[in-house]
Amino acid sequence: MATRTDAELLNILQKAHLLPPAGVSDPNAENKFSLDATVGSDGATLSAGERQQLALCRVLVKQSSIVILVSTTSFVASDSC
């Protein structure tokens, strides 16, 4: 797997709606994601939707040639799709 820059990883987090777009800030948003965020063992501090969004990030980082999606967004809030 190719090494990614911080900028590339931040872009992927933004595409998965885990971070706001560059230059956009929402003072009311509780954003717990960053490149050095602690998510706990097995993502214990994440909601089911956040775990699914991170799984989609891993697909984008890996640039897999084949991806099988089965109800991948069943827990993702509709306003983040």
C-alpha atoms as a PDB file:
ATOM      1  CA  MET A   1       0.000   0.000   0.000  1.00  0.00           C
ATOM      2  CA  ALA A   2       1.301   3.439  -0.892  1.00  0.00           C
ATOM      3  CA  THR A   3       2.131   5.905   1.857  1.00  0.00           C
ATOM      4  CA  ARG A   4      -0.380   8.748   2.106  1.00  0.00           C
ATOM      5  CA  THR A   5       0.357  12.322   3.071  1.00  0.00           C
ATOM      6  CA  ASP A   6      -1.572  14.022   5.854  1.00  0.00           C
ATOM      7  CA  ALA A   7      -3.298  16.172   3.220  1.00  0.00           C
ATOM      8  CA  GLU A   8      -4.474  13.083   1.321  1.00  0.00           C
ATOM      9  CA  LEU A   9      -5.784  11.466   4.510  1.00  0.00           C
ATOM     10  CA  LEU A  10      -7.610  14.645   5.531  1.00  0.00           C
ATOM     11  CA  ASN A  11      -9.167  14.796   2.060  1.00  0.00           C
ATOM     12  CA  ILE A  12     -10.403  11.208   2.447  1.00  0.00           C
ATOM     13  CA  LEU A  13     -11.908  12.018   5.872  1.00  0.00           C
ATOM     14  CA  GLN A  14     -13.663  15.000   4.287  1.00  0.00           C
ATOM     15  CA  LYS A  15     -15.026  12.848   1.443  1.00  0.00           C
ATOM     16  CA  ALA A  16     -16.495  10.456   4.027  1.00  0.00           C
ATOM     17  CA  HIS A  17     -18.042  13.423   5.868  1.00  0.00           C
ATOM     18  CA  LEU A  18     -15.978  12.757   8.994  1.00  0.00           C
ATOM     19  CA  LEU A  19     -14.386  16.199   8.722  1.00  0.00           C
ATOM     20  CA  PRO A  20     -15.882  19.407   7.343  1.00  0.00           C
ATOM     21  CA  PRO A  21     -14.552  20.638   3.971  1.00  0.00           C
ATOM     22  CA  ALA A  22     -11.380  22.701   4.120  1.00  0.00           C
ATOM     23  CA  GLY A  23     -12.033  26.248   5.244  1.00  0.00           C
ATOM     24  CA  VAL A  24     -15.476  25.437   6.652  1.00  0.00           C
ATOM     25  CA  SER A  25     -16.008  25.474  10.380  1.00  0.00           C
ATOM     26  CA  ASP A  26     -19.161  24.777  12.333  1.00  0.00           C
ATOM     27  CA  PRO A  27     -18.918  26.079  15.907  1.00  0.00           C
ATOM     28  CA  ASN A  28     -21.840  23.834  16.908  1.00  0.00           C
ATOM     29  CA  ALA A  29     -20.310  20.650  15.498  1.00  0.00           C
ATOM     30  CA  GLU A  30     -18.687  18.228  17.889  1.00  0.00           C
ATOM     31  CA  ASN A  31     -15.857  16.959  15.712  1.00  0.00           C
ATOM     32  CA  LYS A  32     -13.794  14.222  17.312  1.00  0.00           C
ATOM     33  CA  PHE A  33     -11.900  13.222  14.193  1.00  0.00           C
ATOM     34  CA  SER A  34      -8.371  14.160  13.299  1.00  0.00           C
ATOM     35  CA  LEU A  35      -5.359  12.212  12.123  1.00  0.00           C
ATOM     36  CA  ASP A  36      -4.274  11.617  15.724  1.00  0.00           C
ATOM     37  CA  ALA A  37      -7.708  11.002  17.269  1.00  0.00           C
ATOM     38  CA  THR A  38      -8.055   8.169  19.779  1.00  0.00           C
ATOM     39  CA  VAL A  39     -11.060   5.997  18.991  1.00  0.00           C
ATOM     40  CA  GLY A  40     -10.620   3.306  21.640  1.00  0.00           C
ATOM     41  CA  SER A  41     -10.293  -0.428  21.335  1.00  0.00           C
ATOM     42  CA  ASP A  42     -12.277  -1.695  18.342  1.00  0.00           C
ATOM     43  CA  GLY A  43     -13.706   1.806  17.853  1.00  0.00           C
ATOM     44  CA  ALA A  44     -15.527   1.669  21.182  1.00  0.00           C
ATOM     45  CA  THR A  45     -16.025   5.451  21.269  1.00  0.00           C
ATOM     46  CA  LEU A  46     -17.566   5.547  17.787  1.00  0.00           C
ATOM     47  CA  SER A  47     -21.175   5.165  16.771  1.00  0.00           C
ATOM     48  CA  ALA A  48     -22.119   2.421  14.314  1.00  0.00           C
ATOM     49  CA  GLY A  49     -22.410   5.033  11.543  1.00  0.00           C
ATOM     50  CA  GLU A  50     -18.980   6.488  12.325  1.00  0.00           C
ATOM     51  CA  ARG A  51     -17.442   2.997  12.190  1.00  0.00           C
ATOM     52  CA  GLN A  52     -19.039   2.495   8.770  1.00  0.00           C
ATOM     53  CA  GLN A  53     -17.725   5.849   7.563  1.00  0.00           C
ATOM     54  CA  LEU A  54     -14.215   4.913   8.713  1.00  0.00           C
ATOM     55  CA  ALA A  55     -14.538   1.587   6.895  1.00  0.00           C
ATOM     56  CA  LEU A  56     -15.313   3.534   3.713  1.00  0.00           C
ATOM     57  CA  CYS A  57     -12.224   5.686   4.403  1.00  0.00           C
ATOM     58  CA  ARG A  58     -10.096   2.540   4.551  1.00  0.00           C
ATOM     59  CA  VAL A  59     -11.432   1.539   1.120  1.00  0.00           C
ATOM     60  CA  LEU A  60     -10.459   4.960  -0.265  1.00  0.00           C
ATOM     61  CA  VAL A  61      -6.998   4.804   1.326  1.00  0.00           C
ATOM     62  CA  LYS A  62      -6.339   1.291   0.033  1.00  0.00           C
ATOM     63  CA  GLN A  63      -7.633   2.058  -3.457  1.00  0.00           C
ATOM     64  CA  SER A  64      -8.920  -1.501  -3.725  1.00  0.00           C
ATOM     65  CA  SER A  65      -9.637  -2.765  -7.205  1.00  0.00           C
ATOM     66  CA  ILE A  66     -12.646  -4.732  -5.918  1.00  0.00           C
ATOM     67  CA  VAL A  67     -15.003  -3.560  -3.183  1.00  0.00           C
ATOM     68  CA  ILE A  68     -18.084  -5.452  -2.041  1.00  0.00           C
ATOM     69  CA  LEU A  69     -20.650  -3.258  -0.302  1.00  0.00           C
ATOM     70  CA  VAL A  70     -23.489  -4.869   1.622  1.00  0.00           C
ATOM     71  CA  SER A  71     -25.775  -2.416   3.426  1.00  0.00           C
ATOM     72  CA  THR A  72     -22.718  -0.286   4.006  1.00  0.00           C
ATOM     73  CA  THR A  73     -24.644   2.817   4.912  1.00  0.00           C
ATOM     74  CA  SER A  74     -27.396   1.297   7.036  1.00  0.00           C
ATOM     75  CA  PHE A  75     -26.166   3.184  10.124  1.00  0.00           C
ATOM     76  CA  VAL A  76     -24.920   6.352   8.399  1.00  0.00           C
ATOM     77  CA  ALA A  77     -27.122   9.407   8.976  1.00  0.00           C
ATOM     78  CA  SER A  78     -28.933  10.340   5.772  1.00  0.00           C
ATOM     79  CA  ASP A  79     -27.717  13.941   5.967  1.00  0.00           C
ATOM     80  CA  SER A  80     -24.071  12.823   5.699  1.00  0.00           C
ATOM     81  CA  CYS A  81     -24.502  10.880   2.452  1.00  0.00           C
END
